[in-house]
N, C-alpha and C. Protein backbone atom coordinates (compact mmCIF):
# COMPACT_ATOMS: atom_id res chain seq x y z
N MET A 1 12.76 22.21 -54.28
CA MET A 1 11.62 22.25 -53.53
C MET A 1 10.97 21.10 -52.92
N LEU A 2 11.64 20.26 -53.87
CA LEU A 2 10.42 18.87 -53.37
C LEU A 2 10.71 18.47 -52.06
N LEU A 3 12.33 18.78 -51.55
CA LEU A 3 13.14 18.21 -50.83
C LEU A 3 12.78 19.00 -49.71
N GLU A 4 12.70 20.67 -49.70
CA GLU A 4 12.06 21.44 -48.82
C GLU A 4 10.37 21.14 -48.41
N LYS A 5 9.58 20.87 -49.07
CA LYS A 5 8.23 20.28 -48.66
C LYS A 5 8.34 19.23 -48.03
N ASN A 6 9.24 18.15 -48.57
CA ASN A 6 8.70 17.03 -47.62
C ASN A 6 9.54 17.05 -46.04
N ILE A 7 10.83 17.46 -45.98
CA ILE A 7 10.81 18.56 -44.84
C ILE A 7 9.54 19.42 -43.72
N ARG A 8 9.02 20.18 -44.58
CA ARG A 8 7.77 20.63 -43.68
C ARG A 8 6.91 19.86 -43.22
N ALA A 9 6.62 18.66 -44.75
CA ALA A 9 5.75 17.92 -43.72
C ALA A 9 5.83 16.78 -42.80
N LEU A 10 7.49 16.19 -43.02
CA LEU A 10 8.12 15.56 -42.03
C LEU A 10 7.99 16.38 -40.60
N ASN A 11 8.07 17.61 -40.10
CA ASN A 11 7.98 18.33 -39.14
C ASN A 11 7.15 18.51 -38.65
N GLY A 12 5.68 18.81 -39.76
CA GLY A 12 4.80 18.66 -39.24
C GLY A 12 4.17 17.05 -38.49
N VAL A 13 4.45 16.22 -38.84
CA VAL A 13 4.12 14.92 -38.44
C VAL A 13 4.99 15.33 -36.96
N ILE A 14 5.90 15.35 -37.05
CA ILE A 14 6.59 15.23 -35.73
C ILE A 14 6.11 15.85 -34.49
N MET A 15 5.46 17.33 -34.86
CA MET A 15 5.36 18.50 -34.24
C MET A 15 3.95 17.85 -33.71
N ARG A 16 3.12 16.95 -34.99
CA ARG A 16 1.78 16.33 -34.19
C ARG A 16 2.14 15.58 -33.18
N LYS A 17 2.91 14.12 -33.25
CA LYS A 17 3.63 13.61 -32.85
C LYS A 17 3.82 13.90 -31.42
N ILE A 18 4.53 14.77 -31.31
CA ILE A 18 4.94 15.60 -29.93
C ILE A 18 3.82 15.52 -29.10
N PHE A 19 3.01 16.79 -29.83
CA PHE A 19 1.77 17.43 -29.25
C PHE A 19 0.80 16.05 -28.53
N PHE A 20 0.73 15.00 -29.03
CA PHE A 20 0.42 13.85 -28.91
C PHE A 20 0.66 13.44 -27.66
N LEU A 21 1.58 13.02 -27.95
CA LEU A 21 2.62 12.21 -26.88
C LEU A 21 2.41 13.08 -25.66
N THR A 22 2.96 14.05 -25.33
CA THR A 22 2.26 15.38 -24.53
C THR A 22 1.00 15.20 -23.60
N ALA A 23 0.04 15.32 -25.03
CA ALA A 23 -1.32 15.32 -24.12
C ALA A 23 -1.50 13.86 -23.55
N VAL A 24 -1.29 12.80 -24.02
CA VAL A 24 -1.74 11.76 -23.48
C VAL A 24 -0.78 11.34 -22.46
N GLY A 25 0.64 12.21 -21.65
CA GLY A 25 1.19 12.20 -20.49
C GLY A 25 0.44 13.04 -19.50
N LEU A 26 -0.07 13.82 -19.82
CA LEU A 26 -0.93 14.85 -18.61
C LEU A 26 -1.73 14.05 -18.69
N PHE A 27 -2.26 13.61 -19.71
CA PHE A 27 -3.82 12.84 -19.10
C PHE A 27 -3.68 11.92 -18.46
N PHE A 28 -2.57 10.70 -18.24
CA PHE A 28 -2.21 10.08 -17.33
C PHE A 28 -1.88 10.43 -15.80
N GLN A 29 -0.95 11.64 -16.20
CA GLN A 29 -0.78 12.48 -14.68
C GLN A 29 -1.86 12.92 -13.74
N GLY A 30 -2.79 12.90 -14.78
CA GLY A 30 -3.80 13.64 -14.71
C GLY A 30 -4.67 12.48 -13.84
N CYS A 31 -4.77 11.11 -14.05
CA CYS A 31 -5.58 10.20 -14.00
C CYS A 31 -4.71 9.43 -12.45
N ALA A 32 -3.73 9.35 -12.27
CA ALA A 32 -3.11 8.51 -11.49
C ALA A 32 -2.42 9.74 -10.35
N SER A 33 -3.34 10.22 -9.12
CA SER A 33 -2.34 11.41 -8.05
C SER A 33 -2.00 10.85 -7.20
N THR A 34 -0.67 11.45 -6.82
CA THR A 34 0.09 10.81 -5.59
C THR A 34 -1.35 11.15 -4.22
N PHE A 35 -0.87 10.04 -3.64
CA PHE A 35 -1.57 10.52 -2.19
C PHE A 35 -0.58 9.68 -0.39
N GLN A 36 -1.09 10.52 0.32
CA GLN A 36 -0.46 10.07 1.43
C GLN A 36 -1.65 9.62 2.69
N LEU A 37 -1.38 8.96 3.45
CA LEU A 37 -1.95 8.07 4.39
C LEU A 37 -1.77 8.85 5.92
N ASP A 38 -2.64 10.01 6.60
CA ASP A 38 -2.46 10.49 7.28
C ASP A 38 -3.17 9.52 9.10
N PRO A 39 -2.73 9.00 9.61
CA PRO A 39 -3.06 8.21 11.01
C PRO A 39 -3.30 9.07 11.21
N VAL A 40 -5.08 8.88 12.50
CA VAL A 40 -6.18 9.57 12.84
C VAL A 40 -5.80 8.66 14.35
N THR A 41 -5.19 9.28 15.22
CA THR A 41 -5.03 8.83 16.67
C THR A 41 -6.61 8.82 17.36
N LEU A 42 -7.15 7.57 17.89
CA LEU A 42 -8.31 7.28 18.83
C LEU A 42 -8.20 6.94 20.30
N ASP A 43 -8.99 7.46 20.85
CA ASP A 43 -9.31 7.21 22.00
C ASP A 43 -8.40 6.00 22.72
N GLY A 44 -7.32 6.24 23.58
CA GLY A 44 -6.42 5.17 24.36
C GLY A 44 -5.43 5.15 23.38
N GLN A 45 -5.38 5.60 21.87
CA GLN A 45 -4.09 5.47 20.91
C GLN A 45 -2.90 6.16 21.37
N GLN A 46 -2.16 6.12 20.86
CA GLN A 46 -0.77 7.37 20.76
C GLN A 46 -0.39 7.22 19.43
N GLN A 47 0.50 8.08 19.15
CA GLN A 47 0.99 8.48 17.98
C GLN A 47 2.61 8.25 18.55
N VAL A 48 3.39 6.99 17.44
CA VAL A 48 5.17 7.06 17.58
C VAL A 48 5.26 7.23 16.28
N LEU A 49 6.70 7.68 16.12
CA LEU A 49 7.64 7.58 15.24
C LEU A 49 7.68 5.58 15.00
N GLN A 50 7.47 5.33 13.84
CA GLN A 50 7.98 3.41 13.55
C GLN A 50 9.21 3.61 12.36
N GLU A 51 10.52 3.43 12.60
CA GLU A 51 11.16 3.39 10.73
C GLU A 51 10.97 5.11 10.11
N GLY A 52 10.98 6.06 10.96
CA GLY A 52 10.61 7.68 10.63
C GLY A 52 9.39 7.83 9.82
N GLU A 53 8.47 6.61 10.19
CA GLU A 53 7.29 6.95 9.96
C GLU A 53 5.72 7.37 10.86
N LYS A 54 4.71 7.79 10.81
CA LYS A 54 4.35 8.01 11.77
C LYS A 54 3.23 6.57 11.76
N ALA A 55 3.27 6.34 13.13
CA ALA A 55 2.32 4.87 13.57
C ALA A 55 1.46 5.33 14.43
N VAL A 56 0.34 4.03 14.79
CA VAL A 56 -0.21 4.58 15.76
C VAL A 56 -0.54 3.16 16.38
N VAL A 57 -0.10 3.27 17.76
CA VAL A 57 -0.23 1.98 18.83
C VAL A 57 -1.35 2.02 19.64
N SER A 58 -1.61 0.94 19.63
CA SER A 58 -3.26 0.53 20.41
C SER A 58 -2.61 -0.42 21.63
N PRO A 59 -2.26 -0.18 22.86
CA PRO A 59 -1.85 -0.82 24.05
C PRO A 59 -2.68 -1.80 24.43
N ARG A 60 -3.01 -2.84 24.59
CA ARG A 60 -3.81 -3.46 25.95
C ARG A 60 -3.20 -5.24 25.94
N LYS A 61 -3.42 -6.22 25.98
CA LYS A 61 -2.70 -7.51 25.90
C LYS A 61 -1.90 -7.78 25.34
N ALA A 62 -2.46 -7.35 24.08
CA ALA A 62 -1.58 -7.49 22.18
C ALA A 62 -1.47 -5.96 21.84
N LEU A 63 -0.32 -5.32 21.65
CA LEU A 63 0.17 -4.03 21.95
C LEU A 63 0.16 -4.43 20.23
N VAL A 64 -0.57 -3.15 19.38
CA VAL A 64 -0.57 -3.50 18.12
C VAL A 64 -0.37 -1.78 17.49
N ALA A 65 0.54 -1.73 16.45
CA ALA A 65 0.52 -0.29 15.61
C ALA A 65 0.79 -0.90 14.16
N VAL A 66 -0.05 -0.24 13.66
CA VAL A 66 -0.29 0.38 12.45
C VAL A 66 0.35 1.27 11.75
N ARG A 67 1.07 1.49 10.56
CA ARG A 67 1.54 2.56 9.69
C ARG A 67 1.70 2.49 8.69
N PRO A 68 1.63 3.36 7.81
CA PRO A 68 1.50 2.84 6.42
C PRO A 68 2.83 2.64 5.82
N GLY A 69 2.36 1.44 4.46
CA GLY A 69 3.74 1.61 4.17
C GLY A 69 4.86 2.27 3.24
N ALA A 70 4.30 3.58 3.55
CA ALA A 70 5.31 4.45 2.12
C ALA A 70 4.40 5.46 2.61
N LYS A 71 5.82 6.42 2.83
CA LYS A 71 5.10 8.10 2.78
C LYS A 71 3.91 8.20 1.55
N THR A 72 4.12 8.60 0.53
CA THR A 72 3.07 8.27 -0.27
C THR A 72 2.92 7.19 -1.65
N TYR A 73 1.42 7.45 -2.43
CA TYR A 73 2.11 5.99 -3.26
C TYR A 73 0.45 6.97 -4.20
N SER A 74 0.47 5.92 -5.37
CA SER A 74 -0.12 6.33 -6.52
C SER A 74 -1.66 5.94 -6.22
N SER A 75 -2.22 6.71 -6.57
CA SER A 75 -3.80 6.49 -6.81
C SER A 75 -4.53 5.11 -7.65
N ALA A 76 -3.32 4.99 -8.53
CA ALA A 76 -3.56 3.55 -9.15
C ALA A 76 -2.52 2.67 -9.22
N GLY A 77 -2.08 2.46 -8.14
CA GLY A 77 -1.41 1.53 -7.65
C GLY A 77 -2.09 1.21 -6.41
N TYR A 78 -1.40 0.02 -5.23
CA TYR A 78 -2.04 -0.94 -4.31
C TYR A 78 -1.42 -0.09 -2.89
N THR A 79 -2.31 -0.03 -1.98
CA THR A 79 -1.51 0.57 -0.58
C THR A 79 -1.16 -0.53 0.41
N THR A 80 -0.21 -0.27 0.85
CA THR A 80 0.31 -0.80 2.03
C THR A 80 0.45 -0.56 3.51
N LEU A 81 0.04 -1.32 4.21
CA LEU A 81 0.04 -1.28 5.75
C LEU A 81 1.28 -2.40 6.61
N VAL A 82 2.00 -1.48 6.96
CA VAL A 82 2.64 -2.38 8.37
C VAL A 82 2.03 -2.35 9.32
N VAL A 83 1.79 -3.70 10.11
CA VAL A 83 1.08 -4.21 11.41
C VAL A 83 2.12 -4.87 12.02
N THR A 84 2.21 -4.36 13.55
CA THR A 84 3.25 -4.99 14.09
C THR A 84 2.30 -5.60 15.53
N VAL A 85 2.59 -6.28 16.01
CA VAL A 85 1.89 -7.03 17.56
C VAL A 85 2.68 -7.26 17.85
N VAL A 86 2.49 -7.38 19.55
CA VAL A 86 3.81 -7.33 20.67
C VAL A 86 2.41 -8.29 21.45
N ASN A 87 2.67 -9.50 21.63
CA ASN A 87 2.28 -10.39 22.97
C ASN A 87 2.52 -10.42 23.74
N GLY A 88 1.36 -9.54 24.47
CA GLY A 88 1.90 -9.26 25.91
C GLY A 88 1.07 -10.17 26.88
N SER A 89 0.65 -11.38 26.47
CA SER A 89 -0.44 -11.92 26.91
C SER A 89 0.31 -13.32 27.46
N GLU A 90 -0.03 -14.11 28.20
CA GLU A 90 0.55 -15.79 28.40
C GLU A 90 0.38 -16.51 27.43
N GLU A 91 -0.38 -16.61 26.37
CA GLU A 91 -0.73 -17.45 25.44
C GLU A 91 0.03 -17.24 24.20
N ALA A 92 0.59 -18.20 23.43
CA ALA A 92 0.85 -17.92 21.79
C ALA A 92 -0.49 -17.71 20.82
N PHE A 93 -0.64 -17.12 20.13
CA PHE A 93 -1.43 -16.87 18.85
C PHE A 93 -1.49 -16.75 17.77
N LEU A 94 -1.87 -17.70 17.05
CA LEU A 94 -1.74 -17.22 15.74
C LEU A 94 -2.07 -15.90 14.52
N PHE A 95 -0.94 -15.38 14.12
CA PHE A 95 -1.61 -13.96 13.51
C PHE A 95 -0.54 -13.87 12.10
N SER A 96 -1.67 -13.81 11.49
CA SER A 96 -1.51 -13.18 9.51
C SER A 96 -2.96 -12.09 9.20
N THR A 97 -2.67 -11.79 8.01
CA THR A 97 -3.49 -10.99 7.17
C THR A 97 -4.59 -11.52 7.59
N GLU A 98 -5.20 -12.88 7.97
CA GLU A 98 -6.47 -12.87 8.32
C GLU A 98 -7.36 -12.58 9.61
N ASN A 99 -5.97 -11.63 10.09
CA ASN A 99 -6.70 -11.03 11.48
C ASN A 99 -6.78 -9.48 11.38
N VAL A 100 -6.35 -9.05 9.92
CA VAL A 100 -6.68 -7.58 9.47
C VAL A 100 -7.90 -7.57 8.84
N GLN A 101 -8.84 -6.78 8.76
CA GLN A 101 -9.59 -5.91 8.33
C GLN A 101 -9.92 -4.74 7.75
N VAL A 102 -10.26 -4.46 6.25
CA VAL A 102 -10.03 -3.35 5.96
C VAL A 102 -11.09 -2.55 5.35
N PHE A 103 -11.88 -1.01 6.02
CA PHE A 103 -13.00 -0.93 5.69
C PHE A 103 -12.61 0.58 5.01
N VAL A 104 -13.34 0.65 3.75
CA VAL A 104 -12.91 2.28 3.26
C VAL A 104 -14.04 2.98 2.62
N ASP A 105 -14.38 3.78 3.65
CA ASP A 105 -15.33 4.66 3.26
C ASP A 105 -16.74 3.60 3.89
N GLY A 106 -16.47 2.89 4.95
CA GLY A 106 -17.55 2.13 5.55
C GLY A 106 -17.69 0.63 4.84
N LYS A 107 -17.42 0.97 3.91
CA LYS A 107 -17.63 -0.34 2.84
C LYS A 107 -16.10 -1.57 3.21
N PRO A 108 -16.29 -2.52 3.37
CA PRO A 108 -15.62 -3.79 3.54
C PRO A 108 -14.36 -4.04 2.55
N HIS A 109 -13.22 -4.24 2.66
CA HIS A 109 -12.25 -3.53 1.26
C HIS A 109 -11.35 -5.02 1.17
N LYS A 110 -10.70 -5.93 0.30
CA LYS A 110 -9.67 -6.57 -0.17
C LYS A 110 -8.23 -6.50 0.75
N VAL A 111 -8.02 -7.31 1.71
CA VAL A 111 -6.75 -7.41 1.90
C VAL A 111 -6.10 -8.70 1.47
N PHE A 112 -4.92 -8.31 0.49
CA PHE A 112 -4.06 -9.60 0.14
C PHE A 112 -4.08 -10.31 0.75
N THR A 113 -3.83 -12.03 0.81
CA THR A 113 -3.01 -12.57 1.71
C THR A 113 -1.49 -12.90 1.44
N TYR A 114 -0.88 -13.64 1.65
CA TYR A 114 0.88 -14.06 1.11
C TYR A 114 0.69 -14.17 0.31
N ASP A 115 -0.29 -15.24 -0.11
CA ASP A 115 -0.16 -16.54 -1.13
C ASP A 115 -0.34 -15.20 -2.08
N GLU A 116 -1.61 -14.52 -1.66
CA GLU A 116 -2.13 -13.58 -3.11
C GLU A 116 -1.17 -12.69 -3.27
N THR A 117 -0.33 -12.36 -2.78
CA THR A 117 0.54 -11.20 -3.17
C THR A 117 1.80 -11.86 -3.83
N GLU A 118 2.04 -13.23 -3.52
CA GLU A 118 3.19 -14.10 -4.15
C GLU A 118 2.55 -14.00 -5.74
N ALA A 119 1.69 -14.51 -5.50
CA ALA A 119 0.98 -15.33 -6.72
C ALA A 119 1.12 -13.84 -8.04
N GLY A 120 0.85 -12.59 -7.77
CA GLY A 120 0.73 -11.69 -8.42
C GLY A 120 2.28 -11.27 -8.86
N ILE A 121 3.06 -11.39 -8.04
CA ILE A 121 4.12 -10.98 -8.62
C ILE A 121 4.54 -12.51 -9.66
N MET A 122 4.11 -13.60 -9.09
CA MET A 122 4.96 -14.91 -10.30
C MET A 122 4.23 -14.57 -11.67
N GLU A 123 3.14 -13.73 -11.45
CA GLU A 123 2.56 -13.38 -12.44
C GLU A 123 3.44 -12.76 -13.90
N GLN A 124 3.84 -12.34 -13.27
CA GLN A 124 4.85 -11.08 -14.46
C GLN A 124 5.52 -12.38 -15.67
N LYS A 125 5.13 -11.37 -16.55
CA LYS A 125 5.24 -11.86 -17.69
C LYS A 125 6.74 -11.81 -18.29
N ASP A 126 6.36 -10.49 -18.91
CA ASP A 126 7.92 -9.48 -19.31
C ASP A 126 9.30 -10.03 -18.89
N VAL A 127 9.92 -10.09 -19.61
CA VAL A 127 11.24 -10.79 -19.51
C VAL A 127 12.45 -9.58 -18.16
N ALA A 128 12.03 -8.50 -18.71
CA ALA A 128 12.84 -7.38 -18.39
C ALA A 128 11.84 -7.61 -16.20
N GLU A 129 11.04 -8.04 -16.20
CA GLU A 129 10.08 -8.09 -15.22
C GLU A 129 10.55 -9.49 -14.52
N ARG A 130 10.49 -10.23 -15.03
CA ARG A 130 10.88 -11.92 -14.70
C ARG A 130 12.41 -11.87 -14.30
N ASN A 131 13.28 -10.84 -14.52
CA ASN A 131 14.62 -10.82 -13.80
C ASN A 131 14.24 -10.42 -12.42
N GLN A 132 13.68 -9.45 -12.41
CA GLN A 132 13.48 -8.86 -10.85
C GLN A 132 12.73 -9.81 -10.05
N THR A 133 11.99 -10.45 -10.63
CA THR A 133 10.50 -11.34 -10.21
C THR A 133 11.07 -12.47 -8.85
N GLU A 134 12.52 -12.57 -8.78
CA GLU A 134 12.73 -13.62 -7.51
C GLU A 134 13.30 -12.34 -7.09
N GLN A 135 13.79 -11.42 -7.02
CA GLN A 135 14.11 -10.48 -5.87
C GLN A 135 13.12 -10.11 -4.84
N PHE A 136 11.93 -9.72 -5.82
CA PHE A 136 11.01 -8.80 -5.60
C PHE A 136 10.23 -10.28 -4.28
N ARG A 137 10.09 -11.56 -4.82
CA ARG A 137 9.55 -12.66 -4.37
C ARG A 137 10.52 -12.97 -2.87
N THR A 138 11.67 -12.95 -2.70
CA THR A 138 12.76 -12.40 -1.92
C THR A 138 12.82 -11.59 -0.74
N ALA A 139 12.38 -10.23 -1.55
CA ALA A 139 12.18 -8.94 -0.69
C ALA A 139 10.41 -9.79 0.38
N LEU A 140 9.66 -9.59 -0.57
CA LEU A 140 8.57 -10.69 -0.12
C LEU A 140 8.40 -11.20 1.20
N MET A 141 9.01 -12.14 0.85
CA MET A 141 9.18 -13.40 2.14
C MET A 141 10.05 -13.01 3.45
N ALA A 142 10.80 -11.67 3.43
CA ALA A 142 11.36 -11.08 4.32
C ALA A 142 10.74 -10.28 4.51
N THR A 143 9.76 -9.56 4.31
CA THR A 143 8.45 -8.37 5.05
C THR A 143 7.16 -8.31 4.81
N ALA A 144 6.73 -9.88 4.01
CA ALA A 144 4.84 -9.52 4.24
C ALA A 144 4.59 -10.46 5.46
N LEU A 145 3.72 -10.24 5.58
CA LEU A 145 3.21 -10.47 7.00
C LEU A 145 2.63 -11.73 6.70
N ARG A 146 3.05 -12.80 7.31
CA ARG A 146 2.79 -14.28 6.92
C ARG A 146 2.19 -14.73 8.43
N LYS A 147 1.41 -15.91 7.76
CA LYS A 147 0.81 -16.78 9.19
C LYS A 147 2.02 -17.32 10.20
N THR A 148 2.01 -16.73 11.59
CA THR A 148 2.65 -17.07 11.88
C THR A 148 2.12 -17.29 14.02
N ASN A 149 3.04 -18.14 14.49
CA ASN A 149 2.20 -17.97 16.01
C ASN A 149 3.41 -17.20 16.74
N VAL A 150 2.58 -16.06 17.66
CA VAL A 150 3.42 -15.30 18.05
C VAL A 150 3.16 -15.66 19.46
N LEU A 151 4.61 -15.63 20.10
CA LEU A 151 4.45 -16.39 21.43
C LEU A 151 4.55 -15.31 22.30
N PRO A 152 4.35 -15.92 23.60
CA PRO A 152 4.20 -15.02 24.92
C PRO A 152 5.74 -13.79 25.14
N HIS A 153 5.43 -12.44 24.72
CA HIS A 153 5.97 -11.58 25.14
C HIS A 153 6.78 -11.58 23.93
N ALA A 154 6.58 -11.84 22.83
CA ALA A 154 7.40 -11.79 21.40
C ALA A 154 6.68 -10.79 20.84
N TRP A 155 7.51 -10.38 19.28
CA TRP A 155 6.75 -9.55 18.23
C TRP A 155 6.90 -9.98 17.32
N TYR A 156 6.04 -9.59 16.18
CA TYR A 156 6.11 -10.00 14.76
C TYR A 156 5.52 -9.00 14.38
N GLY A 157 5.66 -8.36 13.02
CA GLY A 157 5.20 -7.30 11.70
C GLY A 157 5.42 -7.65 10.87
N GLY A 158 4.62 -6.99 9.71
CA GLY A 158 4.98 -7.45 8.33
C GLY A 158 4.44 -6.49 7.19
N TYR A 159 4.41 -6.57 5.76
CA TYR A 159 3.48 -5.55 5.24
C TYR A 159 2.65 -6.40 4.52
N VAL A 160 1.21 -5.11 4.92
CA VAL A 160 0.20 -6.03 4.16
C VAL A 160 -0.68 -5.18 3.10
N THR A 161 -0.92 -5.53 1.58
CA THR A 161 -1.17 -5.12 0.95
C THR A 161 -2.95 -5.36 0.52
N LEU A 162 -3.63 -3.87 0.21
CA LEU A 162 -4.53 -3.57 0.14
C LEU A 162 -4.92 -3.79 -1.31
N GLY A 163 -6.18 -3.98 -1.55
CA GLY A 163 -6.85 -3.88 -3.07
C GLY A 163 -6.87 -2.51 -3.11
N LYS A 164 -6.56 -2.27 -4.61
CA LYS A 164 -6.65 -0.88 -5.16
C LYS A 164 -8.35 -0.23 -4.59
N LEU A 165 -7.67 1.06 -4.54
CA LEU A 165 -9.23 1.73 -3.88
C LEU A 165 -9.84 2.67 -4.75
N PRO A 166 -11.37 1.98 -4.56
CA PRO A 166 -11.86 2.75 -5.19
C PRO A 166 -11.82 4.68 -5.60
N GLY A 167 -12.43 5.11 -6.65
CA GLY A 167 -12.76 6.11 -7.02
C GLY A 167 -11.35 7.06 -6.73
N ALA A 168 -10.51 6.44 -7.62
CA ALA A 168 -8.93 7.14 -7.53
C ALA A 168 -9.29 8.57 -8.14
N GLY A 169 -8.41 9.44 -6.95
CA GLY A 169 -8.21 10.57 -7.31
C GLY A 169 -9.16 11.52 -6.17
N ARG A 170 -9.98 10.46 -5.25
CA ARG A 170 -10.23 11.08 -4.29
C ARG A 170 -10.21 10.67 -2.49
N PRO A 171 -10.37 11.63 -1.84
CA PRO A 171 -9.84 11.46 -0.23
C PRO A 171 -10.92 9.86 -0.08
N HIS A 172 -10.24 9.62 0.95
CA HIS A 172 -11.32 8.32 1.57
C HIS A 172 -10.90 8.27 3.30
N ASP A 173 -11.66 7.69 4.21
CA ASP A 173 -11.21 7.03 5.22
C ASP A 173 -11.32 5.83 5.35
N ILE A 174 -10.00 5.63 6.18
CA ILE A 174 -9.84 3.76 6.02
C ILE A 174 -9.70 3.42 7.15
N ARG A 175 -10.53 2.69 7.69
CA ARG A 175 -10.46 1.71 8.85
C ARG A 175 -9.86 0.66 8.98
N VAL A 176 -9.08 0.65 9.79
CA VAL A 176 -8.14 -1.06 9.78
C VAL A 176 -8.79 -1.40 11.10
N VAL A 177 -8.97 -2.73 11.48
CA VAL A 177 -9.23 -3.40 12.16
C VAL A 177 -8.49 -4.71 13.14
N VAL A 178 -7.86 -4.59 13.36
CA VAL A 178 -6.64 -5.96 14.05
C VAL A 178 -6.91 -6.55 15.07
N THR A 179 -7.19 -7.98 14.83
CA THR A 179 -7.81 -8.94 15.90
C THR A 179 -6.37 -9.45 16.46
N ALA A 180 -5.61 -9.26 17.69
CA ALA A 180 -4.79 -10.17 17.99
C ALA A 180 -4.69 -10.47 19.71
N ALA A 181 -4.71 -11.42 20.32
CA ALA A 181 -4.86 -12.24 21.48
C ALA A 181 -6.45 -12.01 21.75
N GLY A 182 -6.93 -12.14 20.83
CA GLY A 182 -8.83 -12.15 21.19
C GLY A 182 -9.34 -10.44 21.45
N GLU A 183 -8.64 -9.22 21.14
CA GLU A 183 -9.34 -8.20 21.34
C GLU A 183 -8.98 -7.99 19.84
N GLU A 184 -9.78 -6.86 19.88
CA GLU A 184 -9.89 -5.84 18.55
C GLU A 184 -9.47 -4.52 18.78
N HIS A 185 -8.32 -4.43 17.73
CA HIS A 185 -7.74 -3.00 17.91
C HIS A 185 -8.53 -1.75 16.46
N GLU A 186 -8.41 -1.01 17.07
CA GLU A 186 -9.55 -0.38 15.99
C GLU A 186 -8.44 0.73 15.26
N PHE A 187 -8.05 1.17 14.15
CA PHE A 187 -7.39 2.06 13.64
C PHE A 187 -7.93 3.08 12.70
N LEU A 188 -7.77 4.38 12.44
CA LEU A 188 -8.16 4.87 11.34
C LEU A 188 -7.03 5.74 10.98
N PHE A 189 -6.87 6.04 9.41
CA PHE A 189 -6.15 6.58 8.42
C PHE A 189 -7.04 7.71 7.46
N ARG A 190 -6.46 8.67 6.96
CA ARG A 190 -6.95 9.42 6.20
C ARG A 190 -6.46 9.63 4.40
N GLN A 191 -7.08 9.26 3.81
CA GLN A 191 -6.38 9.64 2.84
C GLN A 191 -6.25 10.51 1.84
N LEU A 192 -5.51 11.28 1.92
CA LEU A 192 -5.41 12.45 1.21
C LEU A 192 -4.67 13.15 0.27
N LYS A 193 -4.54 14.13 -0.67
CA LYS A 193 -3.65 14.47 -1.86
C LYS A 193 -2.13 14.97 -1.16
N ALA A 194 -1.55 14.12 -1.93
CA ALA A 194 -0.24 14.34 -1.12
C ALA A 194 0.36 16.03 -1.18
N SER A 195 0.89 16.39 0.21
CA SER A 195 1.51 17.36 -0.20
C SER A 195 3.18 18.19 -0.43
N GLU A 196 2.58 18.78 -1.46
CA GLU A 196 3.91 18.88 -2.55
C GLU A 196 5.38 19.47 -2.04
């Protein structure tokens, strides 16, 4: 009888734990939504596919293309963009994340420099994370936008990481302004809930 009573009590504790863990999981799932960035083509621009993703191209002295860094991303995570420039001028110019400005719903938004992105990777303290840190750092060095002289008739591009977007879980208009060869190129993206 005592054994049976203890088993029932244990089952009650287990059921409460399962319920609690399920509720916590649903809460966090509700907090972090999946979004996508849809490019909007402005006057004088065209939409192309770049590595299978929709990119917007703005052709002038310097041709600039911008596309989302991923098909979808979590509202709790960081958004990345891929920015590519082709120098059609006769003079080299310096290009880096300093040439990329982002505005979310009209307000200036953080664009991480290469050094800030690398520092974020290096801050990982967990042992499992530390084992992957060097792999992340190597991938970052190969793909992130770094300060570079873009020679005449050459191209350069890389990933740009944005600060976390405000108001997770709601749509935003994201305006990206890229300065290359002394010209400003403006791009517009709409952050929408990802279609399932």
